[in-house]
């Protein structure tokens, strides 16, 4: 386990549910990845993310999936693409598996 962190650290993260509306192969990424466009509802809107999830997911199957993402880490330039959120997943022996709600929820719903 990692060192204990104050609850304030977790509370400072803006973690929300969004739905992938568009996905493309990210040819210019150094490691295999997809470009994702994720709808976080009317308050936040659309955000882009680069995700190294190619071992588990086919790009065509991603549209319509809900995901969990951190929105307030700031933007990160990856090749010619600006990633605006961090999609959360867990490492498995098959590759990264996305975290998602087990029932559909409203886009922009906060975790916390």
N, C-alpha and C. Protein backbone atom coordinates (compact mmCIF):
# COMPACT_ATOMS: atom_id res chain seq x y z
N UNK A 1 0.83 -1.19 0.00
CA UNK A 1 0.00 0.00 0.00
C UNK A 1 0.87 1.25 0.00
N UNK A 2 0.31 2.30 -0.53
CA UNK A 2 1.00 3.58 -0.53
C UNK A 2 0.82 4.28 0.82
N UNK A 3 1.64 5.29 1.03
CA UNK A 3 1.55 6.09 2.26
C UNK A 3 0.18 6.75 2.37
N UNK A 4 -0.33 6.86 3.59
CA UNK A 4 -1.62 7.52 3.79
C UNK A 4 -1.57 8.96 3.32
N UNK A 5 -2.68 9.40 2.73
CA UNK A 5 -2.80 10.78 2.25
C UNK A 5 -3.99 11.43 2.96
N UNK A 6 -3.90 12.72 3.19
CA UNK A 6 -5.04 13.40 3.80
C UNK A 6 -6.26 13.37 2.87
N UNK A 7 -7.46 13.28 3.42
CA UNK A 7 -8.68 13.25 2.62
C UNK A 7 -8.77 14.48 1.72
N UNK A 8 -8.21 15.61 2.16
CA UNK A 8 -8.24 16.84 1.36
C UNK A 8 -7.61 16.63 -0.01
N UNK A 9 -6.61 15.74 -0.11
CA UNK A 9 -5.99 15.48 -1.41
C UNK A 9 -7.01 14.87 -2.37
N UNK A 10 -7.76 13.88 -1.89
CA UNK A 10 -8.80 13.27 -2.72
C UNK A 10 -9.89 14.28 -3.03
N UNK A 11 -10.31 15.04 -2.04
CA UNK A 11 -11.41 16.00 -2.22
C UNK A 11 -11.05 17.09 -3.23
N UNK A 12 -9.76 17.33 -3.44
CA UNK A 12 -9.36 18.38 -4.39
C UNK A 12 -9.45 17.92 -5.84
N UNK A 13 -9.62 16.61 -6.07
CA UNK A 13 -9.72 16.09 -7.43
C UNK A 13 -11.14 16.23 -7.96
N UNK A 14 -11.26 16.63 -9.22
CA UNK A 14 -12.56 16.70 -9.89
C UNK A 14 -12.68 15.44 -10.74
N UNK A 15 -13.32 14.41 -10.17
CA UNK A 15 -13.47 13.11 -10.82
C UNK A 15 -14.92 12.96 -11.23
N UNK A 16 -15.16 12.71 -12.52
CA UNK A 16 -16.52 12.67 -13.04
C UNK A 16 -16.70 11.53 -14.04
N UNK A 17 -17.98 11.27 -14.32
CA UNK A 17 -18.37 10.28 -15.32
C UNK A 17 -18.65 11.00 -16.64
N UNK A 18 -18.17 10.43 -17.73
CA UNK A 18 -18.46 10.96 -19.05
C UNK A 18 -18.66 9.81 -20.03
N UNK A 19 -19.21 10.15 -21.21
CA UNK A 19 -19.46 9.16 -22.25
C UNK A 19 -18.58 9.46 -23.45
N UNK A 20 -17.88 8.43 -23.94
CA UNK A 20 -17.03 8.58 -25.12
C UNK A 20 -17.94 8.77 -26.34
N UNK A 21 -17.74 9.87 -27.06
CA UNK A 21 -18.56 10.16 -28.24
C UNK A 21 -17.80 9.93 -29.54
N UNK A 22 -16.46 9.90 -29.46
CA UNK A 22 -15.63 9.70 -30.65
C UNK A 22 -14.32 9.07 -30.19
N UNK A 23 -13.79 8.16 -30.99
CA UNK A 23 -12.51 7.52 -30.69
C UNK A 23 -11.76 7.28 -31.99
N UNK A 24 -10.46 7.55 -31.97
CA UNK A 24 -9.60 7.34 -33.14
C UNK A 24 -8.28 6.73 -32.70
N UNK A 25 -7.65 5.99 -33.59
CA UNK A 25 -6.30 5.49 -33.35
C UNK A 25 -5.37 6.70 -33.33
N UNK A 26 -4.47 6.74 -32.34
CA UNK A 26 -3.53 7.85 -32.19
C UNK A 26 -2.19 7.42 -32.78
N UNK A 27 -2.06 7.60 -34.09
CA UNK A 27 -0.88 7.15 -34.83
C UNK A 27 0.42 7.82 -34.38
N UNK A 28 0.36 9.05 -33.91
CA UNK A 28 1.57 9.80 -33.56
C UNK A 28 2.04 9.57 -32.13
N UNK A 29 1.30 8.83 -31.34
CA UNK A 29 1.71 8.54 -29.96
C UNK A 29 2.90 7.58 -29.98
N UNK A 30 3.81 7.74 -29.01
CA UNK A 30 4.98 6.86 -28.94
C UNK A 30 4.59 5.43 -28.58
N UNK A 31 3.62 5.29 -27.66
CA UNK A 31 3.09 3.97 -27.30
C UNK A 31 1.70 3.87 -27.88
N UNK A 32 1.24 2.68 -28.26
CA UNK A 32 -0.09 2.54 -28.85
C UNK A 32 -1.17 3.17 -27.96
N UNK A 33 -2.01 4.00 -28.57
CA UNK A 33 -3.03 4.73 -27.82
C UNK A 33 -4.18 5.11 -28.74
N UNK A 34 -5.26 5.54 -28.09
CA UNK A 34 -6.41 6.09 -28.81
C UNK A 34 -6.62 7.54 -28.39
N UNK A 35 -7.16 8.33 -29.30
CA UNK A 35 -7.66 9.67 -28.98
C UNK A 35 -9.14 9.51 -28.64
N UNK A 36 -9.55 10.06 -27.51
CA UNK A 36 -10.94 9.97 -27.08
C UNK A 36 -11.54 11.36 -26.93
N UNK A 37 -12.80 11.50 -27.32
CA UNK A 37 -13.58 12.70 -27.07
C UNK A 37 -14.70 12.27 -26.13
N UNK A 38 -14.77 12.93 -24.97
CA UNK A 38 -15.66 12.48 -23.91
C UNK A 38 -16.60 13.61 -23.51
N UNK A 39 -17.90 13.30 -23.47
CA UNK A 39 -18.93 14.27 -23.08
C UNK A 39 -19.16 14.18 -21.58
N UNK A 40 -18.87 15.28 -20.86
CA UNK A 40 -19.07 15.35 -19.42
C UNK A 40 -20.28 16.20 -19.05
N UNK A 41 -21.24 16.32 -19.96
CA UNK A 41 -22.48 17.03 -19.66
C UNK A 41 -22.37 18.52 -19.86
N UNK A 42 -23.50 19.24 -19.64
CA UNK A 42 -23.55 20.67 -19.96
C UNK A 42 -22.65 21.55 -19.09
N UNK A 43 -22.39 21.17 -17.86
CA UNK A 43 -21.55 22.01 -16.98
C UNK A 43 -20.10 22.03 -17.44
N UNK A 44 -19.58 20.88 -17.87
CA UNK A 44 -18.17 20.75 -18.25
C UNK A 44 -18.00 20.74 -19.76
N UNK A 45 -18.87 20.03 -20.46
CA UNK A 45 -18.77 19.93 -21.91
C UNK A 45 -17.87 18.79 -22.34
N UNK A 46 -17.33 18.92 -23.54
CA UNK A 46 -16.49 17.89 -24.16
C UNK A 46 -15.04 18.08 -23.73
N UNK A 47 -14.37 16.97 -23.42
CA UNK A 47 -12.94 16.96 -23.13
C UNK A 47 -12.29 15.87 -23.96
N UNK A 48 -11.01 16.07 -24.28
CA UNK A 48 -10.24 15.08 -25.05
C UNK A 48 -9.26 14.38 -24.12
N UNK A 49 -8.95 13.13 -24.47
CA UNK A 49 -7.97 12.38 -23.70
C UNK A 49 -7.24 11.40 -24.61
N UNK A 50 -5.98 11.15 -24.29
CA UNK A 50 -5.21 10.10 -24.94
C UNK A 50 -5.17 8.93 -23.96
N UNK A 51 -5.50 7.73 -24.44
CA UNK A 51 -5.57 6.58 -23.54
C UNK A 51 -4.85 5.38 -24.15
N UNK A 52 -3.95 4.79 -23.37
CA UNK A 52 -3.21 3.60 -23.80
C UNK A 52 -4.00 2.36 -23.40
N UNK A 53 -5.07 2.11 -24.16
CA UNK A 53 -6.00 1.02 -23.84
C UNK A 53 -6.19 0.09 -25.04
N UNK A 54 -5.22 0.09 -25.94
CA UNK A 54 -5.37 -0.63 -27.21
C UNK A 54 -5.29 -2.15 -27.06
N UNK A 55 -4.72 -2.65 -25.97
CA UNK A 55 -4.60 -4.10 -25.81
C UNK A 55 -5.93 -4.76 -25.47
N UNK A 56 -6.83 -4.01 -24.83
CA UNK A 56 -8.10 -4.58 -24.37
C UNK A 56 -9.28 -4.15 -25.24
N UNK A 57 -9.22 -2.92 -25.79
CA UNK A 57 -10.37 -2.34 -26.49
C UNK A 57 -10.10 -2.11 -27.96
N UNK A 58 -11.08 -2.41 -28.79
CA UNK A 58 -11.06 -2.03 -30.20
C UNK A 58 -11.63 -0.62 -30.29
N UNK A 59 -11.05 0.20 -31.13
CA UNK A 59 -11.46 1.61 -31.21
C UNK A 59 -12.96 1.76 -31.51
N UNK A 60 -13.49 0.89 -32.37
CA UNK A 60 -14.90 0.99 -32.76
C UNK A 60 -15.84 0.72 -31.58
N UNK A 61 -15.40 -0.05 -30.61
CA UNK A 61 -16.26 -0.44 -29.48
C UNK A 61 -16.29 0.60 -28.36
N UNK A 62 -15.48 1.64 -28.45
CA UNK A 62 -15.39 2.61 -27.36
C UNK A 62 -16.52 3.63 -27.35
N UNK A 63 -17.03 4.00 -28.51
CA UNK A 63 -18.08 5.02 -28.58
C UNK A 63 -19.31 4.53 -27.83
N UNK A 64 -19.80 5.38 -26.94
CA UNK A 64 -20.97 5.05 -26.13
C UNK A 64 -20.63 4.53 -24.74
N UNK A 65 -19.36 4.18 -24.50
CA UNK A 65 -18.97 3.70 -23.17
C UNK A 65 -18.83 4.86 -22.20
N UNK A 66 -19.31 4.66 -20.97
CA UNK A 66 -19.08 5.63 -19.92
C UNK A 66 -17.76 5.31 -19.24
N UNK A 67 -17.04 6.37 -18.83
CA UNK A 67 -15.74 6.23 -18.19
C UNK A 67 -15.66 7.17 -17.00
N UNK A 68 -14.67 6.91 -16.15
CA UNK A 68 -14.36 7.76 -15.00
C UNK A 68 -13.08 8.50 -15.35
N UNK A 69 -13.05 9.82 -15.11
CA UNK A 69 -11.86 10.60 -15.46
C UNK A 69 -11.62 11.72 -14.45
N UNK A 70 -10.35 12.09 -14.30
CA UNK A 70 -9.96 13.25 -13.50
C UNK A 70 -9.88 14.43 -14.44
N UNK A 71 -10.60 15.51 -14.10
CA UNK A 71 -10.69 16.66 -15.00
C UNK A 71 -9.73 17.80 -14.66
N UNK A 72 -9.19 17.84 -13.46
CA UNK A 72 -8.42 19.02 -13.05
C UNK A 72 -6.93 18.77 -12.84
N UNK A 73 -6.34 17.91 -13.65
CA UNK A 73 -4.88 17.75 -13.65
C UNK A 73 -4.20 18.73 -14.60
N UNK A 74 -4.97 19.44 -15.40
CA UNK A 74 -4.40 20.34 -16.39
C UNK A 74 -4.22 19.62 -17.71
N UNK A 75 -3.96 20.38 -18.75
CA UNK A 75 -3.80 19.81 -20.08
C UNK A 75 -2.39 19.28 -20.27
N UNK A 76 -2.26 18.27 -21.13
CA UNK A 76 -0.94 17.70 -21.44
C UNK A 76 -0.84 17.49 -22.94
N UNK A 77 0.20 18.07 -23.53
CA UNK A 77 0.46 17.91 -24.97
C UNK A 77 1.10 16.55 -25.21
N UNK A 78 0.45 15.75 -26.05
CA UNK A 78 0.99 14.45 -26.44
C UNK A 78 1.05 14.45 -27.96
N UNK A 79 2.26 14.52 -28.49
CA UNK A 79 2.47 14.69 -29.93
C UNK A 79 1.67 15.91 -30.39
N UNK A 80 0.76 15.73 -31.36
CA UNK A 80 -0.01 16.87 -31.87
C UNK A 80 -1.41 16.97 -31.24
N UNK A 81 -1.60 16.34 -30.08
CA UNK A 81 -2.92 16.23 -29.45
C UNK A 81 -2.85 16.75 -28.03
N UNK A 82 -3.84 17.57 -27.64
CA UNK A 82 -3.89 18.11 -26.29
C UNK A 82 -4.86 17.27 -25.46
N UNK A 83 -4.32 16.52 -24.49
CA UNK A 83 -5.14 15.70 -23.60
C UNK A 83 -5.62 16.58 -22.45
N UNK A 84 -6.93 16.60 -22.21
CA UNK A 84 -7.53 17.52 -21.25
C UNK A 84 -8.06 16.85 -19.99
N UNK A 85 -7.97 15.53 -19.92
CA UNK A 85 -8.40 14.81 -18.73
C UNK A 85 -7.68 13.47 -18.69
N UNK A 86 -7.69 12.84 -17.52
CA UNK A 86 -7.05 11.54 -17.36
C UNK A 86 -8.13 10.50 -17.13
N UNK A 87 -8.30 9.61 -18.10
CA UNK A 87 -9.26 8.51 -17.98
C UNK A 87 -8.64 7.47 -17.06
N UNK A 88 -9.43 6.98 -16.10
CA UNK A 88 -8.92 6.05 -15.10
C UNK A 88 -9.13 4.60 -15.51
N UNK A 89 -8.15 3.79 -15.19
CA UNK A 89 -8.22 2.36 -15.47
C UNK A 89 -7.32 1.62 -14.51
N UNK A 90 -7.32 0.31 -14.63
CA UNK A 90 -6.46 -0.53 -13.81
C UNK A 90 -5.67 -1.46 -14.72
N UNK A 91 -4.46 -1.77 -14.29
CA UNK A 91 -3.60 -2.67 -15.07
C UNK A 91 -3.98 -4.12 -14.79
N UNK A 92 -4.11 -4.90 -15.86
CA UNK A 92 -4.36 -6.33 -15.74
C UNK A 92 -3.34 -7.04 -16.61
N UNK A 93 -3.35 -8.37 -16.56
CA UNK A 93 -2.42 -9.11 -17.41
C UNK A 93 -2.77 -9.00 -18.88
N UNK A 94 -3.98 -8.51 -19.20
CA UNK A 94 -4.40 -8.32 -20.58
C UNK A 94 -4.17 -6.90 -21.08
N UNK A 95 -3.88 -5.96 -20.17
CA UNK A 95 -3.72 -4.56 -20.51
C UNK A 95 -4.57 -3.70 -19.58
N UNK A 96 -4.69 -2.42 -19.91
CA UNK A 96 -5.45 -1.50 -19.07
C UNK A 96 -6.95 -1.67 -19.30
N UNK A 97 -7.69 -1.81 -18.20
CA UNK A 97 -9.15 -1.93 -18.23
C UNK A 97 -9.73 -0.65 -17.64
N UNK A 98 -10.65 -0.04 -18.36
CA UNK A 98 -11.26 1.21 -17.93
C UNK A 98 -12.15 1.03 -16.71
N UNK A 99 -12.14 2.04 -15.83
CA UNK A 99 -13.10 2.10 -14.73
C UNK A 99 -14.37 2.71 -15.27
N UNK A 100 -15.53 2.18 -14.84
CA UNK A 100 -16.81 2.67 -15.34
C UNK A 100 -17.90 2.37 -14.32
N UNK A 101 -18.99 3.13 -14.36
CA UNK A 101 -20.11 2.80 -13.47
C UNK A 101 -20.77 1.51 -13.95
N UNK A 102 -21.39 0.77 -13.02
CA UNK A 102 -22.02 -0.49 -13.45
C UNK A 102 -23.45 -0.28 -13.95
N UNK A 103 -23.97 0.93 -13.81
CA UNK A 103 -25.23 1.33 -14.45
C UNK A 103 -25.01 2.71 -15.08
N UNK A 104 -25.74 3.02 -16.12
CA UNK A 104 -25.56 4.31 -16.78
C UNK A 104 -25.99 5.44 -15.85
N UNK A 105 -25.16 6.49 -15.80
CA UNK A 105 -25.46 7.67 -14.98
C UNK A 105 -25.38 8.92 -15.85
N UNK A 106 -25.82 10.03 -15.33
CA UNK A 106 -25.81 11.30 -16.05
C UNK A 106 -24.36 11.74 -16.27
N UNK A 107 -24.03 12.13 -17.51
CA UNK A 107 -22.70 12.66 -17.80
C UNK A 107 -22.43 13.86 -16.92
N UNK A 108 -21.22 13.91 -16.37
CA UNK A 108 -20.82 14.99 -15.48
C UNK A 108 -21.03 14.65 -14.01
N UNK A 109 -21.64 13.49 -13.72
CA UNK A 109 -21.82 13.09 -12.33
C UNK A 109 -20.47 13.04 -11.64
N UNK A 110 -20.40 13.60 -10.44
CA UNK A 110 -19.16 13.67 -9.69
C UNK A 110 -18.94 12.43 -8.83
N UNK A 111 -17.68 12.05 -8.67
CA UNK A 111 -17.28 10.96 -7.80
C UNK A 111 -16.76 11.61 -6.51
N UNK A 112 -17.15 11.08 -5.40
CA UNK A 112 -16.60 11.67 -4.17
C UNK A 112 -17.42 11.45 -2.98
